[in-house]
Amino acid sequence: MATAQALSALAFAPGADPAIEQGDLSLALAGAELIDLLGLGAVRLAGARILPVAPARTEDSMLVEAASEVVQDDSHETVESWLWRRGNGLAARYRAAPGAGGSAAPAHSSRNPFRRARPVSVDPLVLGEATQRLETGDPMLAGLAASAGVRAAPPDEALTGLGADETVVLAEVHQAVTRLAGERQRRSIEQDAFDNVWRGY
């Protein structure tokens, strides 16, 4: 199972924390996709830059799409840039993608085209495999789940099994999530200040 699929299953599982920040999850999913593309040999890292290598040989439609978005020219996009670009709205897309571990929504009713689609719960087999990967100490999935707020942060020693490229990707995901949290805090402070000004009138 792809790491991104496992992460999305954990994030959208019954009983998962509804307060998970979708932006954090989107960044972590983009990082998970990059890990999956590395594992497929579709890309490799040169430092923190992503170099395309070969087409992604997979039936996972989300990963095929991700591979198609890898920058092909000599500029070689950085991991950080990939996270922000690919991660834009990615959590919502995984939630709606059939087979991606999220809640796939069927088409609108033909009788009422404006009726909201009904969510479909996560495949228990997908969720079971994702949970087993966590319980057996998959350091990459554990690190990404922690960055996304899906699971508590694992102890430092649990991450010692990461390879060099995995360490780069996980570190970039963590930095991006931290940066996003800072931006949310800044906006909240500005909004509070604006509200206080209006209360004074």
C-alpha atoms as a PDB file:
ATOM      1  CA  MET A   1       0.000   0.000   0.000  1.00  0.00           C
ATOM      2  CA  ALA A   2       1.223   3.480  -0.867  1.00  0.00           C
ATOM      3  CA  THR A   3       2.260   5.664   2.064  1.00  0.00           C
ATOM      4  CA  ALA A   4      -0.096   8.438   0.946  1.00  0.00           C
ATOM      5  CA  GLN A   5      -3.002   5.989   0.818  1.00  0.00           C
ATOM      6  CA  ALA A   6      -2.176   4.709   4.302  1.00  0.00           C
ATOM      7  CA  LEU A   7      -1.926   8.234   5.696  1.00  0.00           C
ATOM      8  CA  SER A   8      -5.245   9.286   4.196  1.00  0.00           C
ATOM      9  CA  ALA A   9      -6.928   6.172   5.612  1.00  0.00           C
ATOM     10  CA  LEU A  10      -5.668   7.026   9.099  1.00  0.00           C
ATOM     11  CA  ALA A  11      -6.737  10.660   8.737  1.00  0.00           C
ATOM     12  CA  PHE A  12     -10.272   9.865   7.543  1.00  0.00           C
ATOM     13  CA  ALA A  13     -10.912   6.817   9.695  1.00  0.00           C
ATOM     14  CA  PRO A  14     -14.023   6.678  11.898  1.00  0.00           C
ATOM     15  CA  GLY A  15     -13.222   8.393  15.168  1.00  0.00           C
ATOM     16  CA  ALA A  16     -10.310  10.378  13.728  1.00  0.00           C
ATOM     17  CA  ASP A  17      -9.858  13.841  15.191  1.00  0.00           C
ATOM     18  CA  PRO A  18     -12.156  16.178  13.207  1.00  0.00           C
ATOM     19  CA  ALA A  19      -9.945  19.114  14.207  1.00  0.00           C
ATOM     20  CA  ILE A  20      -7.036  17.926  12.049  1.00  0.00           C
ATOM     21  CA  GLU A  21      -5.842  20.916  10.047  1.00  0.00           C
ATOM     22  CA  GLN A  22      -6.467  20.151   6.384  1.00  0.00           C
ATOM     23  CA  GLY A  23      -3.488  22.256   5.353  1.00  0.00           C
ATOM     24  CA  ASP A  24      -1.159  20.220   7.574  1.00  0.00           C
ATOM     25  CA  LEU A  25      -2.604  16.990   6.203  1.00  0.00           C
ATOM     26  CA  SER A  26      -2.255  18.220   2.619  1.00  0.00           C
ATOM     27  CA  LEU A  27       1.429  18.961   3.134  1.00  0.00           C
ATOM     28  CA  ALA A  28       2.002  15.563   4.744  1.00  0.00           C
ATOM     29  CA  LEU A  29       0.166  13.813   1.894  1.00  0.00           C
ATOM     30  CA  ALA A  30       2.334  15.611  -0.655  1.00  0.00           C
ATOM     31  CA  GLY A  31       5.378  14.404   1.278  1.00  0.00           C
ATOM     32  CA  ALA A  32       3.964  10.877   1.361  1.00  0.00           C
ATOM     33  CA  GLU A  33       3.446  10.937  -2.396  1.00  0.00           C
ATOM     34  CA  LEU A  34       7.041  12.003  -2.884  1.00  0.00           C
ATOM     35  CA  ILE A  35       8.204   9.111  -0.696  1.00  0.00           C
ATOM     36  CA  ASP A  36       6.084   6.755  -2.793  1.00  0.00           C
ATOM     37  CA  LEU A  37       7.536   8.139  -6.043  1.00  0.00           C
ATOM     38  CA  LEU A  38      11.034   7.650  -4.639  1.00  0.00           C
ATOM     39  CA  GLY A  39      10.153   4.080  -3.758  1.00  0.00           C
ATOM     40  CA  LEU A  40       8.853   3.455  -7.279  1.00  0.00           C
ATOM     41  CA  GLY A  41      12.068   4.817  -8.786  1.00  0.00           C
ATOM     42  CA  ALA A  42      10.103   7.529 -10.586  1.00  0.00           C
ATOM     43  CA  VAL A  43      12.219  10.283  -9.021  1.00  0.00           C
ATOM     44  CA  ARG A  44      15.375  10.673  -6.979  1.00  0.00           C
ATOM     45  CA  LEU A  45      16.708  13.425  -4.772  1.00  0.00           C
ATOM     46  CA  ALA A  46      19.849  15.429  -5.357  1.00  0.00           C
ATOM     47  CA  GLY A  47      20.167  17.161  -2.011  1.00  0.00           C
ATOM     48  CA  ALA A  48      16.738  18.733  -1.586  1.00  0.00           C
ATOM     49  CA  ARG A  49      15.923  18.828  -5.315  1.00  0.00           C
ATOM     50  CA  ILE A  50      13.650  16.378  -7.116  1.00  0.00           C
ATOM     51  CA  LEU A  51      15.007  14.794 -10.282  1.00  0.00           C
ATOM     52  CA  PRO A  52      12.640  12.878 -12.570  1.00  0.00           C
ATOM     53  CA  VAL A  53      13.891   9.392 -13.478  1.00  0.00           C
ATOM     54  CA  ALA A  54      11.196   7.233 -15.056  1.00  0.00           C
ATOM     55  CA  PRO A  55       7.412   6.910 -15.423  1.00  0.00           C
ATOM     56  CA  ALA A  56       5.654   5.767 -12.260  1.00  0.00           C
ATOM     57  CA  ARG A  57       4.670   2.120 -12.684  1.00  0.00           C
ATOM     58  CA  THR A  58       1.613   1.944 -10.469  1.00  0.00           C
ATOM     59  CA  GLU A  59      -2.145   1.560 -10.681  1.00  0.00           C
ATOM     60  CA  ASP A  60      -2.629   4.210  -7.997  1.00  0.00           C
ATOM     61  CA  SER A  61      -4.264   7.057  -9.927  1.00  0.00           C
ATOM     62  CA  MET A  62      -3.226   9.683  -7.398  1.00  0.00           C
ATOM     63  CA  LEU A  63       0.426   8.650  -7.668  1.00  0.00           C
ATOM     64  CA  VAL A  64       0.243   8.605 -11.469  1.00  0.00           C
ATOM     65  CA  GLU A  65      -1.109  12.136 -11.294  1.00  0.00           C
ATOM     66  CA  ALA A  66       1.584  13.160  -8.814  1.00  0.00           C
ATOM     67  CA  ALA A  67       4.284  11.766 -11.096  1.00  0.00           C
ATOM     68  CA  SER A  68       2.871  13.740 -14.013  1.00  0.00           C
ATOM     69  CA  GLU A  69       3.281  16.933 -11.996  1.00  0.00           C
ATOM     70  CA  VAL A  70       6.988  16.472 -11.307  1.00  0.00           C
ATOM     71  CA  VAL A  71       8.908  19.338 -12.903  1.00  0.00           C
ATOM     72  CA  GLN A  72      10.772  17.911 -15.884  1.00  0.00           C
ATOM     73  CA  ASP A  73      13.056  20.791 -16.866  1.00  0.00           C
ATOM     74  CA  ASP A  74      16.562  21.482 -15.597  1.00  0.00           C
ATOM     75  CA  SER A  75      15.358  23.776 -12.781  1.00  0.00           C
ATOM     76  CA  HIS A  76      14.660  20.662 -10.651  1.00  0.00           C
ATOM     77  CA  GLU A  77      12.057  21.734  -8.105  1.00  0.00           C
ATOM     78  CA  THR A  78      12.931  21.613  -4.413  1.00  0.00           C
ATOM     79  CA  VAL A  79      11.113  19.343  -1.979  1.00  0.00           C
ATOM     80  CA  GLU A  80       9.779  22.434  -0.203  1.00  0.00           C
ATOM     81  CA  SER A  81       8.320  23.828  -3.421  1.00  0.00           C
ATOM     82  CA  TRP A  82       6.769  20.457  -4.248  1.00  0.00           C
ATOM     83  CA  LEU A  83       5.039  20.280  -0.873  1.00  0.00           C
ATOM     84  CA  TRP A  84       3.367  23.655  -1.287  1.00  0.00           C
ATOM     85  CA  ARG A  85       2.475  23.232  -4.956  1.00  0.00           C
ATOM     86  CA  ARG A  86       1.306  19.622  -4.961  1.00  0.00           C
ATOM     87  CA  GLY A  87      -0.150  19.901  -1.469  1.00  0.00           C
ATOM     88  CA  ASN A  88      -2.569  22.697  -2.374  1.00  0.00           C
ATOM     89  CA  GLY A  89      -5.999  21.233  -1.525  1.00  0.00           C
ATOM     90  CA  LEU A  90      -4.630  17.676  -1.589  1.00  0.00           C
ATOM     91  CA  ALA A  91      -6.392  16.476   1.581  1.00  0.00           C
ATOM     92  CA  ALA A  92      -9.814  17.224   0.107  1.00  0.00           C
ATOM     93  CA  ARG A  93      -8.884  15.428  -3.097  1.00  0.00           C
ATOM     94  CA  TYR A  94      -7.767  12.317  -1.218  1.00  0.00           C
ATOM     95  CA  ARG A  95     -10.975  12.386   0.774  1.00  0.00           C
ATOM     96  CA  ALA A  96     -12.949  12.288  -2.486  1.00  0.00           C
ATOM     97  CA  ALA A  97     -10.706   9.888  -4.420  1.00  0.00           C
ATOM     98  CA  PRO A  98     -12.109   6.359  -4.769  1.00  0.00           C
ATOM     99  CA  GLY A  99      -9.619   3.828  -3.467  1.00  0.00           C
ATOM    100  CA  ALA A 100      -7.311   6.445  -1.968  1.00  0.00           C
ATOM    101  CA  GLY A 101      -8.321   5.652   1.590  1.00  0.00           C
ATOM    102  CA  GLY A 102     -10.635   8.590   2.088  1.00  0.00           C
ATOM    103  CA  SER A 103     -14.408   8.807   1.797  1.00  0.00           C
ATOM    104  CA  ALA A 104     -15.299   8.536  -1.844  1.00  0.00           C
ATOM    105  CA  ALA A 105     -18.541  10.293  -2.648  1.00  0.00           C
ATOM    106  CA  PRO A 106     -20.945   8.835  -5.203  1.00  0.00           C
ATOM    107  CA  ALA A 107     -22.441  10.941  -7.957  1.00  0.00           C
ATOM    108  CA  HIS A 108     -25.371  13.262  -7.284  1.00  0.00           C
ATOM    109  CA  SER A 109     -28.800  11.728  -7.349  1.00  0.00           C
ATOM    110  CA  SER A 110     -30.406  11.931 -10.786  1.00  0.00           C
ATOM    111  CA  ARG A 111     -33.663  13.051  -9.153  1.00  0.00           C
ATOM    112  CA  ASN A 112     -32.047  15.897  -7.266  1.00  0.00           C
ATOM    113  CA  PRO A 113     -28.819  17.198  -8.845  1.00  0.00           C
ATOM    114  CA  PHE A 114     -28.301  19.647  -5.963  1.00  0.00           C
ATOM    115  CA  ARG A 115     -28.382  17.000  -3.261  1.00  0.00           C
ATOM    116  CA  ARG A 116     -25.091  16.626  -1.384  1.00  0.00           C
ATOM    117  CA  ALA A 117     -23.150  13.444  -2.028  1.00  0.00           C
ATOM    118  CA  ARG A 118     -23.117  10.915   0.793  1.00  0.00           C
ATOM    119  CA  PRO A 119     -19.698  10.043   2.224  1.00  0.00           C
ATOM    120  CA  VAL A 120     -18.476   6.469   2.105  1.00  0.00           C
ATOM    121  CA  SER A 121     -16.455   5.245   5.068  1.00  0.00           C
ATOM    122  CA  VAL A 122     -12.821   4.186   4.772  1.00  0.00           C
ATOM    123  CA  ASP A 123     -12.243   0.642   3.529  1.00  0.00           C
ATOM    124  CA  PRO A 124     -11.571  -1.366   6.727  1.00  0.00           C
ATOM    125  CA  LEU A 125      -8.937  -3.457   4.928  1.00  0.00           C
ATOM    126  CA  VAL A 126      -7.046  -0.316   3.912  1.00  0.00           C
ATOM    127  CA  LEU A 127      -7.354   1.098   7.417  1.00  0.00           C
ATOM    128  CA  GLY A 128      -6.273  -2.187   8.966  1.00  0.00           C
ATOM    129  CA  GLU A 129      -3.126  -2.345   6.867  1.00  0.00           C
ATOM    130  CA  ALA A 130      -2.314   1.296   7.600  1.00  0.00           C
ATOM    131  CA  THR A 131      -2.783   0.732  11.335  1.00  0.00           C
ATOM    132  CA  GLN A 132      -0.601  -2.367  11.207  1.00  0.00           C
ATOM    133  CA  ARG A 133       2.163  -0.380   9.523  1.00  0.00           C
ATOM    134  CA  LEU A 134       2.092   2.063  12.412  1.00  0.00           C
ATOM    135  CA  GLU A 135       2.015  -0.659  15.039  1.00  0.00           C
ATOM    136  CA  THR A 136       4.952  -2.482  13.468  1.00  0.00           C
ATOM    137  CA  GLY A 137       7.045   0.673  13.591  1.00  0.00           C
ATOM    138  CA  ASP A 138       6.987   2.143  10.080  1.00  0.00           C
ATOM    139  CA  PRO A 139       9.050   5.279  10.825  1.00  0.00           C
ATOM    140  CA  MET A 140       8.040   7.222   7.708  1.00  0.00           C
ATOM    141  CA  LEU A 141       4.314   6.749   8.167  1.00  0.00           C
ATOM    142  CA  ALA A 142       4.643   7.498  11.886  1.00  0.00           C
ATOM    143  CA  GLY A 143       6.574  10.696  11.193  1.00  0.00           C
ATOM    144  CA  LEU A 144       4.144  11.914   8.534  1.00  0.00           C
ATOM    145  CA  ALA A 145       1.121  11.066  10.685  1.00  0.00           C
ATOM    146  CA  ALA A 146       2.626  13.070  13.527  1.00  0.00           C
ATOM    147  CA  SER A 147       3.336  16.060  11.266  1.00  0.00           C
ATOM    148  CA  ALA A 148      -0.267  15.993  10.052  1.00  0.00           C
ATOM    149  CA  GLY A 149      -1.647  15.757  13.588  1.00  0.00           C
ATOM    150  CA  VAL A 150      -3.144  12.340  12.890  1.00  0.00           C
ATOM    151  CA  ARG A 151      -1.089  10.564  15.568  1.00  0.00           C
ATOM    152  CA  ALA A 152       1.122  11.605  18.448  1.00  0.00           C
ATOM    153  CA  ALA A 153       4.785  12.155  17.644  1.00  0.00           C
ATOM    154  CA  PRO A 154       6.810   8.943  17.931  1.00  0.00           C
ATOM    155  CA  PRO A 155       9.929   8.850  20.138  1.00  0.00           C
ATOM    156  CA  ASP A 156      13.096  10.020  18.412  1.00  0.00           C
ATOM    157  CA  GLU A 157      14.549   6.518  18.363  1.00  0.00           C
ATOM    158  CA  ALA A 158      11.573   5.329  16.306  1.00  0.00           C
ATOM    159  CA  LEU A 159      12.776   7.469  13.401  1.00  0.00           C
ATOM    160  CA  THR A 160      16.304   6.072  13.280  1.00  0.00           C
ATOM    161  CA  GLY A 161      15.374   3.647  10.516  1.00  0.00           C
ATOM    162  CA  LEU A 162      14.805   6.387   7.958  1.00  0.00           C
ATOM    163  CA  GLY A 163      17.001   6.579   4.881  1.00  0.00           C
ATOM    164  CA  ALA A 164      18.725   9.790   3.805  1.00  0.00           C
ATOM    165  CA  ASP A 165      16.036  10.790   1.293  1.00  0.00           C
ATOM    166  CA  GLU A 166      13.243   9.939   3.720  1.00  0.00           C
ATOM    167  CA  THR A 167      14.890  12.094   6.364  1.00  0.00           C
ATOM    168  CA  VAL A 168      15.051  15.032   3.944  1.00  0.00           C
ATOM    169  CA  VAL A 169      11.383  14.705   2.979  1.00  0.00           C
ATOM    170  CA  LEU A 170      10.150  14.298   6.559  1.00  0.00           C
ATOM    171  CA  ALA A 171      12.209  17.288   7.731  1.00  0.00           C
ATOM    172  CA  GLU A 172      10.796  19.438   4.909  1.00  0.00           C
ATOM    173  CA  VAL A 173       7.242  18.362   5.756  1.00  0.00           C
ATOM    174  CA  HIS A 174       7.784  19.245   9.404  1.00  0.00           C
ATOM    175  CA  GLN A 175       9.207  22.667   8.499  1.00  0.00           C
ATOM    176  CA  ALA A 176       6.329  23.382   6.107  1.00  0.00           C
ATOM    177  CA  VAL A 177       3.714  22.414   8.717  1.00  0.00           C
ATOM    178  CA  THR A 178       5.470  24.608  11.293  1.00  0.00           C
ATOM    179  CA  ARG A 179       5.510  27.501   8.832  1.00  0.00           C
ATOM    180  CA  LEU A 180       1.813  27.036   8.095  1.00  0.00           C
ATOM    181  CA  ALA A 181       0.994  26.994  11.815  1.00  0.00           C
ATOM    182  CA  GLY A 182       2.886  30.270  12.207  1.00  0.00           C
ATOM    183  CA  GLU A 183       0.911  31.792   9.353  1.00  0.00           C
ATOM    184  CA  ARG A 184      -2.373  30.702  10.918  1.00  0.00           C
ATOM    185  CA  GLN A 185      -1.316  32.234  14.234  1.00  0.00           C
ATOM    186  CA  ARG A 186      -0.335  35.491  12.540  1.00  0.00           C
ATOM    187  CA  ARG A 187      -3.687  35.732  10.795  1.00  0.00           C
ATOM    188  CA  SER A 188      -5.525  34.966  14.015  1.00  0.00           C
ATOM    189  CA  ILE A 189      -3.663  37.748  15.840  1.00  0.00           C
ATOM    190  CA  GLU A 190      -4.390  40.195  13.032  1.00  0.00           C
ATOM    191  CA  GLN A 191      -8.069  39.231  13.032  1.00  0.00           C
ATOM    192  CA  ASP A 192      -8.282  39.647  16.817  1.00  0.00           C
ATOM    193  CA  ALA A 193      -6.663  43.067  16.543  1.00  0.00           C
ATOM    194  CA  PHE A 194      -9.118  44.066  13.806  1.00  0.00           C
ATOM    195  CA  ASP A 195     -12.067  42.885  15.894  1.00  0.00           C
ATOM    196  CA  ASN A 196     -10.805  44.842  18.913  1.00  0.00           C
ATOM    197  CA  VAL A 197     -10.591  48.011  16.846  1.00  0.00           C
ATOM    198  CA  TRP A 198     -14.223  47.668  15.805  1.00  0.00           C
ATOM    199  CA  ARG A 199     -15.323  46.928  19.365  1.00  0.00           C
ATOM    200  CA  GLY A 200     -13.844  50.287  20.347  1.00  0.00           C
ATOM    201  CA  TYR A 201     -16.308  52.181  18.172  1.00  0.00           C
END
